[in-house]
Amino acid sequence: MPLLRINACGDQPQMHNSPRDVATVLRMHRGDGPVIVMIHGYKYRPNLPDHCPHLHIMALHPRDMPWRAPSWPRQLGFGTGHVGEGLGIAFGWESRGALWSAERRTRPAGRALAQVLRQLHDQQPDRPVHLIAHSMGIALALEALHHLPAGAVQRIVSMTGAAYATRALAALGTPAGRACDFINVTSRENDLFEFLYERLIAPPARGDRTLGFGLSAHNAVTLQLDCDDTLALLARRGAPVAPPQRRICHWSSYTRQGVLRFYHDLLRQPETWALDRLRRDLPDAGAPRWSRLIAPPQGGLALPMTQNPT
């Protein structure tokens, strides 16, 4: 089985729709190839049919509900039947309800995630384990780092992560955090959502800003996905990503054509996409907030306040 479905129940991990013990199931899936843990963002709830991530973005064959989405596991290399494709873990958590209540649940859910990651590390300490998360899902990854030993996680991809920089830096200052790479994918398409997050979630420190403003750490790099120079660099290096089609979109960090394939390469070929080289080749500074919103229209670009993320 290339894909395991695990949910956070409070601060404990449980198999999705199965009474089996998580640790026992993980022991059954020792093997070669990386482990890639996928974490969804806001507005999902496992076992709620119209909002279950295991039926949608984290399914090998996602169904529309109500909008179409790509399969994260399939685009990240699972379900091929190839030897060495590794193990995919779709990690679900209760992220519906008021934004502030969902944000509070990221902490116990992150501790549940940490139990899974620790079990993986204890069983096969040399097996690479990577995390990829969208929006508020990155908060689970950051919380988990506080409860793990060094080397438990090798690389984290944050897809327009909804978290404050102070929280991210605290996590990256832990033993587990110092030993991993953090790729902070941002986009000015996400400005409206980051602005609302800052208005609804109190920052841990005065003047703190979200990850969309960048992150300065020795083991972190910020990659602005709607920057022409960044897209040109990715294309030259064999990972073409389609340009943005909207001025406002919360989901383009995983719905744009080619972007999940790029993350596939980031996680499965980390030596090709080394952090130092990315930092050297990427533009020094990102565009300021609202720069995409106020830019002159190009090619009849629409300005919807809401849209289907397709």
C-alpha atoms as a PDB file:
ATOM      1  CA  MET A   1       0.000   0.000   0.000  1.00  0.00           C
ATOM      2  CA  PRO A   2       1.674   3.274  -1.066  1.00  0.00           C
ATOM      3  CA  LEU A   3      -0.591   5.525   1.003  1.00  0.00           C
ATOM      4  CA  LEU A   4      -1.606   5.464   4.675  1.00  0.00           C
ATOM      5  CA  ARG A   5      -4.406   7.658   6.015  1.00  0.00           C
ATOM      6  CA  ILE A   6      -3.941   8.885   9.582  1.00  0.00           C
ATOM      7  CA  ASN A   7      -5.913  11.495  11.525  1.00  0.00           C
ATOM      8  CA  ALA A   8      -5.283  13.544  14.636  1.00  0.00           C
ATOM      9  CA  CYS A   9      -7.868  12.830  17.327  1.00  0.00           C
ATOM     10  CA  GLY A  10      -6.977  15.503  19.845  1.00  0.00           C
ATOM     11  CA  ASP A  11      -3.274  14.930  20.439  1.00  0.00           C
ATOM     12  CA  GLN A  12      -3.368  11.246  19.480  1.00  0.00           C
ATOM     13  CA  PRO A  13      -2.961   9.742  15.987  1.00  0.00           C
ATOM     14  CA  GLN A  14      -5.552   7.276  14.725  1.00  0.00           C
ATOM     15  CA  MET A  15      -5.875   5.337  11.502  1.00  0.00           C
ATOM     16  CA  HIS A  16      -8.600   6.718   9.249  1.00  0.00           C
ATOM     17  CA  ASN A  17     -11.649   4.421   9.255  1.00  0.00           C
ATOM     18  CA  SER A  18      -9.681   1.589  10.830  1.00  0.00           C
ATOM     19  CA  PRO A  19      -9.314   0.259  14.396  1.00  0.00           C
ATOM     20  CA  ARG A  20      -5.683  -0.749  13.817  1.00  0.00           C
ATOM     21  CA  ASP A  21      -2.965   0.749  15.964  1.00  0.00           C
ATOM     22  CA  VAL A  22      -0.879   3.383  14.161  1.00  0.00           C
ATOM     23  CA  ALA A  23       2.465   2.078  15.433  1.00  0.00           C
ATOM     24  CA  THR A  24       1.622  -1.459  14.301  1.00  0.00           C
ATOM     25  CA  VAL A  25       0.642  -0.281  10.833  1.00  0.00           C
ATOM     26  CA  LEU A  26       3.817   1.782  10.490  1.00  0.00           C
ATOM     27  CA  ARG A  27       5.939  -1.246  11.408  1.00  0.00           C
ATOM     28  CA  MET A  28       4.281  -3.097   8.521  1.00  0.00           C
ATOM     29  CA  HIS A  29       5.511  -0.473   6.085  1.00  0.00           C
ATOM     30  CA  ARG A  30       9.216  -0.452   6.695  1.00  0.00           C
ATOM     31  CA  GLY A  31      11.042  -0.212   3.399  1.00  0.00           C
ATOM     32  CA  ASP A  32      13.033   1.849   0.963  1.00  0.00           C
ATOM     33  CA  GLY A  33      12.191   5.201  -0.511  1.00  0.00           C
ATOM     34  CA  PRO A  34      11.245   8.377   1.321  1.00  0.00           C
ATOM     35  CA  VAL A  35       8.290   8.944   3.598  1.00  0.00           C
ATOM     36  CA  ILE A  36       6.280  12.008   2.540  1.00  0.00           C
ATOM     37  CA  VAL A  37       3.677  13.266   4.988  1.00  0.00           C
ATOM     38  CA  MET A  38       0.956  15.483   3.457  1.00  0.00           C
ATOM     39  CA  ILE A  39      -0.990  17.912   5.682  1.00  0.00           C
ATOM     40  CA  HIS A  40      -4.038  19.836   4.495  1.00  0.00           C
ATOM     41  CA  GLY A  41      -5.071  23.320   5.562  1.00  0.00           C
ATOM     42  CA  TYR A  42      -8.223  25.065   6.722  1.00  0.00           C
ATOM     43  CA  LYS A  43     -11.842  23.931   6.119  1.00  0.00           C
ATOM     44  CA  TYR A  44     -11.357  20.145   6.043  1.00  0.00           C
ATOM     45  CA  ARG A  45     -12.626  17.497   8.425  1.00  0.00           C
ATOM     46  CA  PRO A  46     -11.963  13.760   8.104  1.00  0.00           C
ATOM     47  CA  ASN A  47     -15.106  11.633   7.769  1.00  0.00           C
ATOM     48  CA  LEU A  48     -17.316  14.595   6.878  1.00  0.00           C
ATOM     49  CA  PRO A  49     -18.248  13.493   3.335  1.00  0.00           C
ATOM     50  CA  ASP A  50     -18.287  16.896   1.665  1.00  0.00           C
ATOM     51  CA  HIS A  51     -15.110  18.055   3.429  1.00  0.00           C
ATOM     52  CA  CYS A  52     -12.985  14.940   3.979  1.00  0.00           C
ATOM     53  CA  PRO A  53      -9.402  15.458   2.757  1.00  0.00           C
ATOM     54  CA  HIS A  54      -8.994  11.710   2.227  1.00  0.00           C
ATOM     55  CA  LEU A  55     -11.653  11.879  -0.493  1.00  0.00           C
ATOM     56  CA  HIS A  56     -10.244  15.010  -2.053  1.00  0.00           C
ATOM     57  CA  ILE A  57      -6.714  16.437  -2.278  1.00  0.00           C
ATOM     58  CA  MET A  58      -5.089  13.580  -0.353  1.00  0.00           C
ATOM     59  CA  ALA A  59      -6.741  10.775  -2.325  1.00  0.00           C
ATOM     60  CA  LEU A  60      -5.116   8.900  -5.179  1.00  0.00           C
ATOM     61  CA  HIS A  61      -8.367   9.393  -7.083  1.00  0.00           C
ATOM     62  CA  PRO A  62      -9.897  12.609  -5.720  1.00  0.00           C
ATOM     63  CA  ARG A  63     -13.530  13.408  -6.188  1.00  0.00           C
ATOM     64  CA  ASP A  64     -14.918  16.892  -6.700  1.00  0.00           C
ATOM     65  CA  MET A  65     -16.342  18.479  -3.535  1.00  0.00           C
ATOM     66  CA  PRO A  66     -17.397  20.967  -4.632  1.00  0.00           C
ATOM     67  CA  TRP A  67     -14.326  21.897  -6.687  1.00  0.00           C
ATOM     68  CA  ARG A  68     -11.811  19.840  -8.574  1.00  0.00           C
ATOM     69  CA  ALA A  69      -8.345  19.372  -7.130  1.00  0.00           C
ATOM     70  CA  PRO A  70      -5.208  17.483  -8.109  1.00  0.00           C
ATOM     71  CA  SER A  71      -4.168  14.388  -6.184  1.00  0.00           C
ATOM     72  CA  TRP A  72      -1.289  15.317  -3.939  1.00  0.00           C
ATOM     73  CA  PRO A  73      -0.155  11.681  -3.462  1.00  0.00           C
ATOM     74  CA  ARG A  74      -0.199  10.876  -7.158  1.00  0.00           C
ATOM     75  CA  GLN A  75       1.597  14.072  -8.169  1.00  0.00           C
ATOM     76  CA  LEU A  76       4.192  13.454  -5.452  1.00  0.00           C
ATOM     77  CA  GLY A  77       4.999  10.018  -6.851  1.00  0.00           C
ATOM     78  CA  PHE A  78       2.727   7.527  -5.091  1.00  0.00           C
ATOM     79  CA  GLY A  79       0.472   4.914  -6.638  1.00  0.00           C
ATOM     80  CA  THR A  80       2.873   4.184  -9.513  1.00  0.00           C
ATOM     81  CA  GLY A  81       3.793   0.678  -8.413  1.00  0.00           C
ATOM     82  CA  HIS A  82       7.479   1.509  -8.906  1.00  0.00           C
ATOM     83  CA  VAL A  83       9.989  -0.031  -6.541  1.00  0.00           C
ATOM     84  CA  GLY A  84      11.283   2.529  -4.101  1.00  0.00           C
ATOM     85  CA  GLU A  85       8.413   5.004  -4.422  1.00  0.00           C
ATOM     86  CA  GLY A  86       8.343   5.077  -0.631  1.00  0.00           C
ATOM     87  CA  LEU A  87       5.464   5.653   1.725  1.00  0.00           C
ATOM     88  CA  GLY A  88       2.895   8.420   1.571  1.00  0.00           C
ATOM     89  CA  ILE A  89       1.022   9.473   4.699  1.00  0.00           C
ATOM     90  CA  ALA A  90      -2.097  11.598   4.338  1.00  0.00           C
ATOM     91  CA  PHE A  91      -2.501  13.323   7.696  1.00  0.00           C
ATOM     92  CA  GLY A  92      -5.950  14.685   8.488  1.00  0.00           C
ATOM     93  CA  TRP A  93      -7.070  16.982  11.278  1.00  0.00           C
ATOM     94  CA  GLU A  94     -10.180  18.918  12.326  1.00  0.00           C
ATOM     95  CA  SER A  95      -9.735  22.273  10.597  1.00  0.00           C
ATOM     96  CA  ARG A  96     -13.310  23.458  10.197  1.00  0.00           C
ATOM     97  CA  GLY A  97     -15.083  26.077  12.274  1.00  0.00           C
ATOM     98  CA  ALA A  98     -13.932  29.554  13.246  1.00  0.00           C
ATOM     99  CA  LEU A  99     -10.405  30.332  12.125  1.00  0.00           C
ATOM    100  CA  TRP A 100      -9.194  30.987  15.667  1.00  0.00           C
ATOM    101  CA  SER A 101     -10.585  27.683  16.959  1.00  0.00           C
ATOM    102  CA  ALA A 102      -8.970  25.792  14.091  1.00  0.00           C
ATOM    103  CA  GLU A 103      -5.694  27.566  14.836  1.00  0.00           C
ATOM    104  CA  ARG A 104      -5.850  26.427  18.470  1.00  0.00           C
ATOM    105  CA  ARG A 105      -6.309  22.828  17.320  1.00  0.00           C
ATOM    106  CA  THR A 106      -3.060  22.940  15.363  1.00  0.00           C
ATOM    107  CA  ARG A 107      -1.105  22.431  18.596  1.00  0.00           C
ATOM    108  CA  PRO A 108      -2.626  19.125  19.772  1.00  0.00           C
ATOM    109  CA  ALA A 109      -2.824  17.954  16.159  1.00  0.00           C
ATOM    110  CA  GLY A 110       0.869  18.773  15.783  1.00  0.00           C
ATOM    111  CA  ARG A 111       1.652  16.656  18.839  1.00  0.00           C
ATOM    112  CA  ALA A 112      -0.297  13.779  17.266  1.00  0.00           C
ATOM    113  CA  LEU A 113       1.760  14.233  14.095  1.00  0.00           C
ATOM    114  CA  ALA A 114       4.939  14.184  16.173  1.00  0.00           C
ATOM    115  CA  GLN A 115       4.037  10.741  17.534  1.00  0.00           C
ATOM    116  CA  VAL A 116       3.810   9.403  13.988  1.00  0.00           C
ATOM    117  CA  LEU A 117       7.102  10.992  13.000  1.00  0.00           C
ATOM    118  CA  ARG A 118       8.877   9.724  16.103  1.00  0.00           C
ATOM    119  CA  GLN A 119       7.662   6.174  15.451  1.00  0.00           C
ATOM    120  CA  LEU A 120       8.944   6.391  11.886  1.00  0.00           C
ATOM    121  CA  HIS A 121      12.302   7.682  13.087  1.00  0.00           C
ATOM    122  CA  ASP A 122      12.622   5.042  15.814  1.00  0.00           C
ATOM    123  CA  GLN A 123      11.883   2.247  13.342  1.00  0.00           C
ATOM    124  CA  GLN A 124      14.150   3.455  10.522  1.00  0.00           C
ATOM    125  CA  PRO A 125      16.324   6.369  11.646  1.00  0.00           C
ATOM    126  CA  ASP A 126      18.125   6.575   8.288  1.00  0.00           C
ATOM    127  CA  ARG A 127      14.966   6.695   6.162  1.00  0.00           C
ATOM    128  CA  PRO A 128      14.282  10.242   4.874  1.00  0.00           C
ATOM    129  CA  VAL A 129      11.025  11.755   6.114  1.00  0.00           C
ATOM    130  CA  HIS A 130       9.634  14.905   4.494  1.00  0.00           C
ATOM    131  CA  LEU A 131       6.578  17.060   5.215  1.00  0.00           C
ATOM    132  CA  ILE A 132       4.491  19.111   2.817  1.00  0.00           C
ATOM    133  CA  ALA A 133       1.649  21.277   4.102  1.00  0.00           C
ATOM    134  CA  HIS A 134      -0.737  23.921   2.838  1.00  0.00           C
ATOM    135  CA  SER A 135      -1.971  27.005   4.692  1.00  0.00           C
ATOM    136  CA  MET A 136      -2.717  26.274   8.379  1.00  0.00           C
ATOM    137  CA  GLY A 137      -1.396  22.752   7.953  1.00  0.00           C
ATOM    138  CA  ILE A 138       2.128  24.128   8.284  1.00  0.00           C
ATOM    139  CA  ALA A 139       1.361  24.946  11.932  1.00  0.00           C
ATOM    140  CA  LEU A 140       1.116  21.207  12.645  1.00  0.00           C
ATOM    141  CA  ALA A 141       4.550  20.641  11.140  1.00  0.00           C
ATOM    142  CA  LEU A 142       6.023  23.487  13.196  1.00  0.00           C
ATOM    143  CA  GLU A 143       4.461  22.190  16.416  1.00  0.00           C
ATOM    144  CA  ALA A 144       5.727  18.669  15.728  1.00  0.00           C
ATOM    145  CA  LEU A 145       9.340  19.873  15.547  1.00  0.00           C
ATOM    146  CA  HIS A 146       9.202  20.786  19.257  1.00  0.00           C
ATOM    147  CA  HIS A 147       8.605  17.127  20.162  1.00  0.00           C
ATOM    148  CA  LEU A 148      11.127  15.354  17.915  1.00  0.00           C
ATOM    149  CA  PRO A 149      14.837  14.520  17.981  1.00  0.00           C
ATOM    150  CA  ALA A 150      17.313  15.879  15.481  1.00  0.00           C
ATOM    151  CA  GLY A 151      17.104  14.058  12.164  1.00  0.00           C
ATOM    152  CA  ALA A 152      13.478  13.001  12.451  1.00  0.00           C
ATOM    153  CA  VAL A 153      12.517  15.287   9.537  1.00  0.00           C
ATOM    154  CA  GLN A 154      14.747  16.106   6.568  1.00  0.00           C
ATOM    155  CA  ARG A 155      12.756  18.647   4.531  1.00  0.00           C
ATOM    156  CA  ILE A 156       9.556  20.677   4.913  1.00  0.00           C
ATOM    157  CA  VAL A 157       7.696  22.381   2.064  1.00  0.00           C
ATOM    158  CA  SER A 158       5.297  25.086   3.217  1.00  0.00           C
ATOM    159  CA  MET A 159       2.726  25.939   0.534  1.00  0.00           C
ATOM    160  CA  THR A 160       1.607  29.503   1.344  1.00  0.00           C
ATOM    161  CA  GLY A 161       1.751  28.566   5.006  1.00  0.00           C
ATOM    162  CA  ALA A 162      -0.547  30.324   7.474  1.00  0.00           C
ATOM    163  CA  ALA A 163       1.676  30.935  10.488  1.00  0.00           C
ATOM    164  CA  TYR A 164       3.640  33.752  12.030  1.00  0.00           C
ATOM    165  CA  ALA A 165       7.372  33.997  11.453  1.00  0.00           C
ATOM    166  CA  THR A 166       8.099  33.932  15.195  1.00  0.00           C
ATOM    167  CA  ARG A 167       6.396  30.553  15.515  1.00  0.00           C
ATOM    168  CA  ALA A 168       8.325  29.198  12.542  1.00  0.00           C
ATOM    169  CA  LEU A 169      11.663  30.464  13.867  1.00  0.00           C
ATOM    170  CA  ALA A 170      11.011  28.958  17.292  1.00  0.00           C
ATOM    171  CA  ALA A 171      10.323  25.586  15.671  1.00  0.00           C
ATOM    172  CA  LEU A 172      13.398  25.840  13.453  1.00  0.00           C
ATOM    173  CA  GLY A 173      15.452  26.558  16.563  1.00  0.00           C
ATOM    174  CA  THR A 174      14.687  23.149  18.087  1.00  0.00           C
ATOM    175  CA  PRO A 175      17.054  20.184  17.573  1.00  0.00           C
ATOM    176  CA  ALA A 176      14.703  18.717  14.955  1.00  0.00           C
ATOM    177  CA  GLY A 177      14.172  22.105  13.335  1.00  0.00           C
ATOM    178  CA  ARG A 178      17.868  22.964  13.049  1.00  0.00           C
ATOM    179  CA  ALA A 179      18.505  19.680  11.247  1.00  0.00           C
ATOM    180  CA  CYS A 180      15.875  20.086   8.509  1.00  0.00           C
ATOM    181  CA  ASP A 181      15.419  22.241   5.396  1.00  0.00           C
ATOM    182  CA  PHE A 182      12.443  24.608   5.260  1.00  0.00           C
ATOM    183  CA  ILE A 183      11.199  25.773   1.837  1.00  0.00           C
ATOM    184  CA  ASN A 184       8.802  28.666   2.343  1.00  0.00           C
ATOM    185  CA  VAL A 185       6.662  28.903  -0.812  1.00  0.00           C
ATOM    186  CA  THR A 186       4.856  32.241  -0.982  1.00  0.00           C
ATOM    187  CA  SER A 187       2.756  34.135  -3.508  1.00  0.00           C
ATOM    188  CA  ARG A 188       1.251  37.590  -3.633  1.00  0.00           C
ATOM    189  CA  GLU A 189      -1.929  35.836  -4.827  1.00  0.00           C
ATOM    190  CA  ASN A 190      -2.355  34.878  -1.166  1.00  0.00           C
ATOM    191  CA  ASP A 191      -2.112  38.427   0.232  1.00  0.00           C
ATOM    192  CA  LEU A 192      -5.805  38.799   1.052  1.00  0.00           C
ATOM    193  CA  PHE A 193      -5.855  35.552   3.034  1.00  0.00           C
ATOM    194  CA  GLU A 194      -2.698  36.469   4.952  1.00  0.00           C
ATOM    195  CA  PHE A 195      -4.168  39.886   5.736  1.00  0.00           C
ATOM    196  CA  LEU A 196      -7.336  38.255   7.148  1.00  0.00           C
ATOM    197  CA  TYR A 197      -5.237  35.767   9.145  1.00  0.00           C
ATOM    198  CA  GLU A 198      -3.326  38.646  10.752  1.00  0.00           C
ATOM    199  CA  ARG A 199      -6.587  40.355  11.675  1.00  0.00           C
ATOM    200  CA  LEU A 200      -8.161  37.257  13.246  1.00  0.00           C
ATOM    201  CA  ILE A 201      -5.175  35.497  14.877  1.00  0.00           C
ATOM    202  CA  ALA A 202      -3.176  37.418  17.468  1.00  0.00           C
ATOM    203  CA  PRO A 203       0.567  37.386  16.759  1.00  0.00           C
ATOM    204  CA  PRO A 204       2.894  35.819  19.355  1.00  0.00           C
ATOM    205  CA  ALA A 205       5.028  38.975  19.301  1.00  0.00           C
ATOM    206  CA  ARG A 206       4.253  42.602  18.521  1.00  0.00           C
ATOM    207  CA  GLY A 207       5.005  43.463  14.919  1.00  0.00           C
ATOM    208  CA  ASP A 208       5.169  39.814  13.865  1.00  0.00           C
ATOM    209  CA  ARG A 209       4.312  39.004  10.251  1.00  0.00           C
ATOM    210  CA  THR A 210       3.167  35.898   8.438  1.00  0.00           C
ATOM    211  CA  LEU A 211       5.374  33.610   6.379  1.00  0.00           C
ATOM    212  CA  GLY A 212       4.275  35.440   3.237  1.00  0.00           C
ATOM    213  CA  PHE A 213       6.736  38.200   4.139  1.00  0.00           C
ATOM    214  CA  GLY A 214       9.611  35.719   4.084  1.00  0.00           C
ATOM    215  CA  LEU A 215      11.656  33.900   6.685  1.00  0.00           C
ATOM    216  CA  SER A 216      15.257  34.502   7.662  1.00  0.00           C
ATOM    217  CA  ALA A 217      16.943  31.367   8.993  1.00  0.00           C
ATOM    218  CA  HIS A 218      20.117  29.472   8.132  1.00  0.00           C
ATOM    219  CA  ASN A 219      18.115  26.454   6.958  1.00  0.00           C
ATOM    220  CA  ALA A 220      15.186  28.237   5.295  1.00  0.00           C
ATOM    221  CA  VAL A 221      14.622  29.709   1.859  1.00  0.00           C
ATOM    222  CA  THR A 222      11.652  31.697   0.571  1.00  0.00           C
ATOM    223  CA  LEU A 223      10.437  30.997  -2.955  1.00  0.00           C
ATOM    224  CA  GLN A 224       7.868  33.437  -4.371  1.00  0.00           C
ATOM    225  CA  LEU A 225       5.811  31.421  -6.818  1.00  0.00           C
ATOM    226  CA  ASP A 226       4.324  34.375  -8.743  1.00  0.00           C
ATOM    227  CA  CYS A 227       7.696  36.006  -9.403  1.00  0.00           C
ATOM    228  CA  ASP A 228       8.697  35.985 -13.096  1.00  0.00           C
ATOM    229  CA  ASP A 229      12.387  35.541 -12.273  1.00  0.00           C
ATOM    230  CA  THR A 230      11.625  32.598  -9.995  1.00  0.00           C
ATOM    231  CA  LEU A 231       9.452  30.902 -12.622  1.00  0.00           C
ATOM    232  CA  ALA A 232      12.166  31.424 -15.225  1.00  0.00           C
ATOM    233  CA  LEU A 233      14.727  29.840 -12.907  1.00  0.00           C
ATOM    234  CA  LEU A 234      12.519  26.803 -12.302  1.00  0.00           C
ATOM    235  CA  ALA A 235      11.937  26.387 -16.039  1.00  0.00           C
ATOM    236  CA  ARG A 236      15.691  26.529 -16.753  1.00  0.00           C
ATOM    237  CA  ARG A 237      16.285  23.860 -14.160  1.00  0.00           C
ATOM    238  CA  GLY A 238      13.679  21.507 -15.627  1.00  0.00           C
ATOM    239  CA  ALA A 239      10.700  22.228 -13.355  1.00  0.00           C
ATOM    240  CA  PRO A 240       8.374  24.508 -15.333  1.00  0.00           C
ATOM    241  CA  VAL A 241       5.439  25.924 -13.362  1.00  0.00           C
ATOM    242  CA  ALA A 242       2.543  27.734 -15.011  1.00  0.00           C
ATOM    243  CA  PRO A 243       2.279  31.475 -14.327  1.00  0.00           C
ATOM    244  CA  PRO A 244      -0.521  32.741 -12.070  1.00  0.00           C
ATOM    245  CA  GLN A 245      -3.933  33.249 -13.640  1.00  0.00           C
ATOM    246  CA  ARG A 246      -5.584  35.252 -10.868  1.00  0.00           C
ATOM    247  CA  ARG A 247      -4.719  38.146  -8.626  1.00  0.00           C
ATOM    248  CA  ILE A 248      -6.313  36.499  -5.581  1.00  0.00           C
ATOM    249  CA  CYS A 249      -6.088  32.754  -4.956  1.00  0.00           C
ATOM    250  CA  HIS A 250      -5.407  30.785  -1.783  1.00  0.00           C
ATOM    251  CA  TRP A 251      -4.837  27.467  -3.540  1.00  0.00           C
ATOM    252  CA  SER A 252      -2.495  28.250  -6.434  1.00  0.00           C
ATOM    253  CA  SER A 253       0.513  26.941  -4.496  1.00  0.00           C
ATOM    254  CA  TYR A 254      -0.739  23.435  -5.285  1.00  0.00           C
ATOM    255  CA  THR A 255      -3.224  23.854  -8.155  1.00  0.00           C
ATOM    256  CA  ARG A 256      -1.008  25.552 -10.726  1.00  0.00           C
ATOM    257  CA  GLN A 257       0.135  23.250 -13.488  1.00  0.00           C
ATOM    258  CA  GLY A 258       3.564  21.829 -12.778  1.00  0.00           C
ATOM    259  CA  VAL A 259       3.858  22.995  -9.191  1.00  0.00           C
ATOM    260  CA  LEU A 260       3.208  19.659  -7.476  1.00  0.00           C
ATOM    261  CA  ARG A 261       5.694  18.067  -9.854  1.00  0.00           C
ATOM    262  CA  PHE A 262       8.223  20.663  -8.691  1.00  0.00           C
ATOM    263  CA  TYR A 263       7.534  19.699  -5.065  1.00  0.00           C
ATOM    264  CA  HIS A 264       7.962  16.061  -6.115  1.00  0.00           C
ATOM    265  CA  ASP A 265      11.490  16.930  -7.226  1.00  0.00           C
ATOM    266  CA  LEU A 266      12.189  19.033  -4.116  1.00  0.00           C
ATOM    267  CA  LEU A 267      11.328  16.085  -1.878  1.00  0.00           C
ATOM    268  CA  ARG A 268      12.623  13.182  -3.938  1.00  0.00           C
ATOM    269  CA  GLN A 269      15.775  14.836  -5.301  1.00  0.00           C
ATOM    270  CA  PRO A 270      16.920  17.108  -2.454  1.00  0.00           C
ATOM    271  CA  GLU A 271      20.531  16.902  -3.571  1.00  0.00           C
ATOM    272  CA  THR A 272      19.546  18.374  -6.966  1.00  0.00           C
ATOM    273  CA  TRP A 273      17.588  21.148  -5.256  1.00  0.00           C
ATOM    274  CA  ALA A 274      20.027  21.878  -2.451  1.00  0.00           C
ATOM    275  CA  LEU A 275      19.034  24.703  -0.137  1.00  0.00           C
ATOM    276  CA  ASP A 276      22.282  26.664  -0.603  1.00  0.00           C
ATOM    277  CA  ARG A 277      21.924  26.658  -4.371  1.00  0.00           C
ATOM    278  CA  LEU A 278      18.276  27.690  -4.191  1.00  0.00           C
ATOM    279  CA  ARG A 279      19.177  30.548  -1.882  1.00  0.00           C
ATOM    280  CA  ARG A 280      21.962  31.654  -4.231  1.00  0.00           C
ATOM    281  CA  ASP A 281      19.875  31.480  -7.415  1.00  0.00           C
ATOM    282  CA  LEU A 282      16.533  32.878  -6.242  1.00  0.00           C
ATOM    283  CA  PRO A 283      15.793  36.638  -6.228  1.00  0.00           C
ATOM    284  CA  ASP A 284      17.035  38.400  -3.113  1.00  0.00           C
ATOM    285  CA  ALA A 285      13.729  39.991  -2.126  1.00  0.00           C
ATOM    286  CA  GLY A 286      10.086  39.240  -2.727  1.00  0.00           C
ATOM    287  CA  ALA A 287       7.529  41.655  -4.089  1.00  0.00           C
ATOM    288  CA  PRO A 288       5.695  43.757  -1.467  1.00  0.00           C
ATOM    289  CA  ARG A 289       2.212  42.944  -0.232  1.00  0.00           C
ATOM    290  CA  TRP A 290      -0.620  44.005  -2.569  1.00  0.00           C
ATOM    291  CA  SER A 291       1.792  44.428  -5.475  1.00  0.00           C
ATOM    292  CA  ARG A 292      -0.127  41.863  -7.482  1.00  0.00           C
ATOM    293  CA  LEU A 293      -3.480  43.374  -6.604  1.00  0.00           C
ATOM    294  CA  ILE A 294      -2.573  46.886  -7.725  1.00  0.00           C
ATOM    295  CA  ALA A 295      -0.511  45.911 -10.771  1.00  0.00           C
ATOM    296  CA  PRO A 296      -1.946  46.921 -14.179  1.00  0.00           C
ATOM    297  CA  PRO A 297      -4.019  44.121 -15.729  1.00  0.00           C
ATOM    298  CA  GLN A 298      -2.287  41.896 -18.245  1.00  0.00           C
ATOM    299  CA  GLY A 299      -4.147  39.949 -20.876  1.00  0.00           C
ATOM    300  CA  GLY A 300      -7.549  40.586 -19.396  1.00  0.00           C
ATOM    301  CA  LEU A 301      -6.622  39.112 -16.003  1.00  0.00           C
ATOM    302  CA  ALA A 302      -9.736  38.862 -13.870  1.00  0.00           C
ATOM    303  CA  LEU A 303      -9.987  40.022 -10.288  1.00  0.00           C
ATOM    304  CA  PRO A 304     -12.425  37.647  -8.546  1.00  0.00           C
ATOM    305  CA  MET A 305     -12.835  37.820  -4.793  1.00  0.00           C
ATOM    306  CA  THR A 306     -13.839  34.163  -4.729  1.00  0.00           C
ATOM    307  CA  GLN A 307     -13.232  31.438  -7.273  1.00  0.00           C
ATOM    308  CA  ASN A 308     -12.960  27.750  -7.769  1.00  0.00           C
ATOM    309  CA  PRO A 309      -9.289  26.816  -7.256  1.00  0.00           C
ATOM    310  CA  THR A 310      -8.868  25.017 -10.565  1.00  0.00           C
END
